[in-house]
Amino acid sequence: MIYSTVRTVKHIVAGISLATASLVMVLPSYAEVPVVDSTPYGRSGGQAAPARGYQGGSGAALFVQLEELQQEVLSLRGLVEQQAYLIKRMQQEQKDRYIDLDRRISDLAASGGSVSGSKNTGVQQPVDASATSDKEKDEYNSAFQLIRQKRFDDALTALKAFVQTYPSGAYTDNAYYWQGEVYLAQNQLEPAKDAFTQVINKFPQSSKLPGAIYKLGRVYFQLGDKKQAKHYLEKVTKEFPDAAAANLAAAFLKQVN
């Protein structure tokens, strides 16, 4: 949408600039049009002498139009610059989200894969294979592998199917959490909010809880709700002070306040 706006504004600026240039070219020649006394010779008793100058209010009106067009060009150029800045910032934020997602995926892979642990810890703990079926484990690992391959749309489809098949499974909290991460990386804020909220509401003992609360605070901030953002960020720092997410939340609170 912003790209379309920028293109439209650029076309308008170009059009107005062309019109302004045309007026600038017309005005000098227009100023030289002779003003001749139209009084008949018979009545004046002599020959009329031509004079040069502007023809009444027409020249003044053109100058006013020129001034207005110049102001519009300046205003629209400012709008183009503003939109370009917003696009650049959005692109950087998008890049930062993907970098953050890559880092989290790499950290999880290095720690041995998918986990589910106890409350008050941000440390990923391996799930005991005996606590869940091999089929459930394989399906979750397959879905997570799609994230590692950056096949995000396929990963979301697989994760959604997983939570429907295993609504109370050993990996369901992780599946919701990673849905939120992928949605957030794609700047789909409402689905991201819903996914992180599922972790918070349904899995109060999950090791993903501190991270989900922190991410939910970030989502609310991006949605423009600073009050809710502050609520969740402070919640992490107070309830999970030893979690890695608490440090991230404390740092991000400086932007919110």
Protein backbone atom coordinates (compact mmCIF):
# COMPACT_ATOMS: atom_id res chain seq x y z
CA MET A 1 0.00 0.00 0.00
CA ILE A 2 2.82 2.41 0.89
CA TYR A 3 4.66 1.54 -2.33
CA SER A 4 1.50 2.41 -4.32
CA THR A 5 1.12 5.69 -2.43
CA VAL A 6 4.70 6.66 -3.16
CA ARG A 7 4.29 5.91 -6.87
CA THR A 8 1.07 7.94 -7.00
CA VAL A 9 2.61 10.90 -5.20
CA LYS A 10 5.65 10.81 -7.47
CA HIS A 11 3.37 10.97 -10.52
CA ILE A 12 1.50 13.92 -9.01
CA VAL A 13 4.74 15.71 -8.17
CA ALA A 14 6.00 15.16 -11.72
CA GLY A 15 2.75 16.48 -13.18
CA ILE A 16 2.71 19.57 -10.99
CA SER A 17 6.39 20.20 -11.65
CA LEU A 18 5.71 20.08 -15.41
CA ALA A 19 2.80 22.45 -15.04
CA THR A 20 4.92 24.80 -12.95
CA ALA A 21 7.68 24.76 -15.54
CA SER A 22 5.14 25.53 -18.27
CA LEU A 23 3.86 28.52 -16.34
CA VAL A 24 7.39 29.78 -15.77
CA MET A 25 7.98 29.67 -19.55
CA VAL A 26 4.67 31.33 -20.36
CA LEU A 27 4.85 34.22 -17.90
CA PRO A 28 7.86 36.09 -19.40
CA SER A 29 6.40 36.09 -22.89
CA TYR A 30 3.00 36.95 -21.52
CA ALA A 31 4.47 39.94 -19.73
CA GLU A 32 5.68 41.38 -23.05
CA VAL A 33 2.27 41.50 -24.73
CA PRO A 34 1.73 45.15 -25.72
CA VAL A 35 -1.12 47.06 -24.17
CA VAL A 36 -2.57 49.38 -26.84
CA ASP A 37 -5.03 52.16 -26.33
CA SER A 38 -8.12 51.13 -28.25
CA THR A 39 -9.58 54.63 -28.47
CA PRO A 40 -10.47 55.43 -32.13
CA TYR A 41 -8.15 57.90 -33.87
CA GLY A 42 -10.99 60.13 -34.68
CA ARG A 43 -11.90 60.60 -31.05
CA SER A 44 -8.45 60.94 -29.59
CA GLY A 45 -7.18 63.40 -32.06
CA GLY A 46 -3.86 61.64 -32.33
CA GLN A 47 -2.12 58.33 -32.87
CA ALA A 48 -2.17 55.79 -30.06
CA ALA A 49 1.23 54.82 -28.68
CA PRO A 50 1.77 51.17 -27.73
CA ALA A 51 2.91 50.43 -24.17
CA ARG A 52 4.34 47.25 -22.69
CA GLY A 53 3.30 45.72 -19.40
CA TYR A 54 1.07 43.13 -17.72
CA GLN A 55 -2.53 42.92 -18.80
CA GLY A 56 -4.41 43.70 -15.67
CA GLY A 57 -5.17 40.93 -13.19
CA SER A 58 -4.47 38.01 -15.54
CA GLY A 59 -0.72 38.14 -14.97
CA ALA A 60 -1.18 38.44 -11.22
CA ALA A 61 -3.51 35.43 -11.24
CA LEU A 62 -0.90 33.38 -13.07
CA PHE A 63 1.71 34.32 -10.50
CA VAL A 64 -0.64 33.23 -7.71
CA GLN A 65 -1.20 29.90 -9.45
CA LEU A 66 2.54 29.46 -9.87
CA GLU A 67 3.12 30.13 -6.18
CA GLU A 68 0.41 27.65 -5.19
CA LEU A 69 1.82 24.97 -7.48
CA GLN A 70 5.29 25.47 -6.07
CA GLN A 71 3.95 25.04 -2.54
CA GLU A 72 2.13 21.86 -3.56
CA VAL A 73 5.31 20.46 -5.10
CA LEU A 74 7.25 21.13 -1.90
CA SER A 75 4.51 19.55 0.20
CA LEU A 76 4.27 16.45 -1.98
CA ARG A 77 8.02 16.03 -2.10
CA GLY A 78 8.01 16.08 1.67
CA LEU A 79 5.34 13.37 1.64
CA VAL A 80 7.43 11.24 -0.72
CA GLU A 81 10.44 11.57 1.56
CA GLN A 82 8.34 10.63 4.59
CA GLN A 83 6.90 7.57 2.87
CA ALA A 84 10.35 6.51 1.69
CA TYR A 85 11.61 6.73 5.28
CA LEU A 86 8.70 4.61 6.53
CA ILE A 87 9.36 1.97 3.87
CA LYS A 88 13.05 1.86 4.78
CA ARG A 89 12.20 1.48 8.46
CA MET A 90 9.66 -1.28 7.76
CA GLN A 91 12.18 -3.13 5.63
CA GLN A 92 14.76 -2.93 8.42
CA GLU A 93 12.25 -4.13 11.01
CA GLN A 94 11.28 -7.01 8.75
CA LYS A 95 14.95 -7.91 8.32
CA ASP A 96 15.50 -7.73 12.09
CA ARG A 97 12.56 -10.06 12.71
CA TYR A 98 13.92 -12.66 10.30
CA ILE A 99 17.37 -12.39 11.87
CA ASP A 100 15.83 -12.86 15.31
CA LEU A 101 13.83 -15.85 14.09
CA ASP A 102 16.95 -17.39 12.54
CA ARG A 103 18.82 -16.93 15.79
CA ARG A 104 16.07 -18.59 17.80
CA ILE A 105 15.88 -21.50 15.39
CA SER A 106 19.66 -21.94 15.54
CA ASP A 107 19.67 -21.81 19.34
CA LEU A 108 16.91 -24.37 19.52
CA ALA A 109 18.65 -26.67 17.06
CA ALA A 110 21.88 -26.41 19.06
CA SER A 111 20.06 -27.32 22.26
CA GLY A 112 18.72 -30.52 20.78
CA GLY A 113 15.39 -29.62 19.27
CA SER A 114 11.83 -29.19 20.54
CA VAL A 115 11.17 -28.92 24.23
CA SER A 116 8.66 -28.36 26.97
CA GLY A 117 9.77 -27.56 30.46
CA SER A 118 8.68 -26.18 33.80
CA LYS A 119 7.47 -22.74 34.79
CA ASN A 120 9.87 -19.89 35.71
CA THR A 121 12.60 -21.02 33.35
CA GLY A 122 13.50 -19.82 29.90
CA VAL A 123 15.80 -22.79 29.37
CA GLN A 124 14.76 -25.27 26.73
CA GLN A 125 14.52 -28.79 28.16
CA PRO A 126 14.25 -31.92 25.99
CA VAL A 127 10.94 -33.73 26.18
CA ASP A 128 11.19 -37.28 27.46
CA ALA A 129 10.44 -39.55 24.52
CA SER A 130 8.33 -41.74 26.78
CA ALA A 131 6.04 -38.80 27.56
CA THR A 132 4.66 -38.60 24.08
CA SER A 133 4.05 -40.83 21.13
CA ASP A 134 6.62 -41.21 18.40
CA LYS A 135 3.99 -40.11 15.89
CA GLU A 136 3.36 -36.84 17.69
CA LYS A 137 7.07 -36.19 18.04
CA ASP A 138 7.73 -36.91 14.38
CA GLU A 139 4.91 -34.64 13.24
CA TYR A 140 6.14 -31.78 15.37
CA ASN A 141 9.73 -32.23 14.22
CA SER A 142 8.56 -32.26 10.61
CA ALA A 143 6.70 -28.99 11.12
CA PHE A 144 9.65 -27.40 12.85
CA GLN A 145 11.98 -28.54 10.09
CA LEU A 146 9.90 -26.49 7.66
CA ILE A 147 10.63 -23.40 9.76
CA ARG A 148 14.35 -24.14 9.64
CA GLN A 149 14.06 -24.40 5.87
CA LYS A 150 12.24 -21.03 5.84
CA ARG A 151 9.20 -22.60 4.20
CA PHE A 152 7.03 -20.49 6.44
CA ASP A 153 3.66 -20.96 4.77
CA ASP A 154 4.09 -24.74 4.79
CA ALA A 155 5.28 -24.57 8.39
CA LEU A 156 2.19 -22.65 9.48
CA THR A 157 -0.07 -25.17 7.77
CA ALA A 158 1.72 -28.04 9.51
CA LEU A 159 1.70 -26.34 12.92
CA LYS A 160 -2.01 -25.56 12.69
CA ALA A 161 -2.75 -29.16 11.79
CA PHE A 162 -0.58 -30.30 14.69
CA VAL A 163 -2.40 -28.29 17.37
CA GLN A 164 -5.73 -29.53 16.06
CA THR A 165 -4.57 -33.14 16.21
CA TYR A 166 -2.83 -32.77 19.58
CA PRO A 167 -4.64 -29.97 21.47
CA SER A 168 -3.02 -31.03 24.76
CA GLY A 169 0.11 -32.68 23.45
CA ALA A 170 3.63 -32.44 24.80
CA TYR A 171 4.66 -30.13 21.97
CA THR A 172 1.46 -28.12 21.53
CA ASP A 173 2.73 -25.14 23.50
CA ASN A 174 5.81 -25.05 21.29
CA ALA A 175 3.66 -25.33 18.17
CA TYR A 176 1.58 -22.31 19.18
CA TYR A 177 4.69 -20.36 20.13
CA TRP A 178 6.40 -20.98 16.79
CA GLN A 179 3.23 -20.06 14.96
CA GLY A 180 3.47 -16.71 16.72
CA GLU A 181 7.15 -16.32 15.82
CA VAL A 182 6.54 -17.05 12.14
CA TYR A 183 3.53 -14.74 11.97
CA LEU A 184 5.51 -11.98 13.68
CA ALA A 185 8.42 -12.41 11.27
CA GLN A 186 5.93 -11.96 8.42
CA ASN A 187 4.42 -8.91 10.15
CA GLN A 188 1.04 -10.62 10.51
CA LEU A 189 0.36 -9.09 13.90
CA GLU A 190 -3.17 -10.26 14.69
CA PRO A 191 -2.47 -13.98 14.06
CA ALA A 192 0.79 -13.59 16.00
CA LYS A 193 -1.12 -12.10 18.92
CA ASP A 194 -3.61 -14.98 18.89
CA ALA A 195 -0.86 -17.61 18.82
CA PHE A 196 1.11 -16.14 21.74
CA THR A 197 -2.13 -15.69 23.69
CA GLN A 198 -2.85 -19.41 23.27
CA VAL A 199 0.46 -20.23 24.95
CA ILE A 200 -0.29 -17.87 27.84
CA ASN A 201 -3.87 -19.00 28.43
CA LYS A 202 -3.55 -22.74 27.84
CA PHE A 203 -0.04 -23.59 29.02
CA PRO A 204 0.80 -21.71 32.24
CA GLN A 205 3.59 -24.21 33.06
CA SER A 206 5.28 -24.01 29.67
CA SER A 207 8.90 -22.97 29.32
CA LYS A 208 7.66 -20.92 26.38
CA LEU A 209 5.52 -18.76 28.67
CA PRO A 210 8.07 -15.97 29.37
CA GLY A 211 8.94 -15.70 25.70
CA ALA A 212 5.28 -15.68 24.68
CA ILE A 213 4.45 -12.89 27.14
CA TYR A 214 7.41 -10.84 25.95
CA LYS A 215 6.51 -11.34 22.29
CA LEU A 216 2.89 -10.45 22.99
CA GLY A 217 4.09 -7.18 24.48
CA ARG A 218 6.06 -6.49 21.32
CA VAL A 219 3.06 -7.29 19.16
CA TYR A 220 0.86 -4.86 21.09
CA PHE A 221 3.55 -2.19 20.71
CA GLN A 222 3.57 -2.68 16.94
CA LEU A 223 -0.22 -2.52 16.95
CA GLY A 224 0.03 0.87 18.62
CA ASP A 225 -1.35 -0.22 22.01
CA LYS A 226 1.41 0.98 24.33
CA LYS A 227 -0.66 0.38 27.46
CA GLN A 228 -1.04 -3.33 26.76
CA ALA A 229 2.54 -3.55 25.54
CA LYS A 230 3.80 -2.12 28.81
CA HIS A 231 1.54 -4.47 30.79
CA TYR A 232 2.97 -7.63 29.23
CA LEU A 233 6.57 -6.45 29.18
CA GLU A 234 6.41 -5.58 32.88
CA LYS A 235 4.68 -8.89 33.57
CA VAL A 236 7.70 -10.76 32.21
CA THR A 237 10.19 -8.79 34.27
CA LYS A 238 8.18 -9.26 37.48
CA GLU A 239 7.05 -12.88 37.17
CA PHE A 240 10.08 -14.34 35.37
CA PRO A 241 13.05 -12.20 36.42
CA ASP A 242 15.55 -14.98 35.69
CA ALA A 243 14.28 -15.73 32.20
CA ALA A 244 16.15 -14.46 29.15
CA ALA A 245 12.90 -12.86 28.00
CA ALA A 246 12.90 -10.65 31.12
CA ASN A 247 16.13 -8.97 30.03
CA LEU A 248 14.77 -8.43 26.54
CA ALA A 249 11.53 -7.02 27.97
CA ALA A 250 13.39 -4.64 30.28
CA ALA A 251 15.40 -3.31 27.35
CA PHE A 252 12.33 -2.92 25.15
CA LEU A 253 10.40 -1.12 27.90
CA LYS A 254 12.73 1.84 27.38
CA GLN A 255 11.19 2.32 23.93
CA VAL A 256 7.66 2.06 25.29
CA ASN A 257 8.10 4.51 28.17
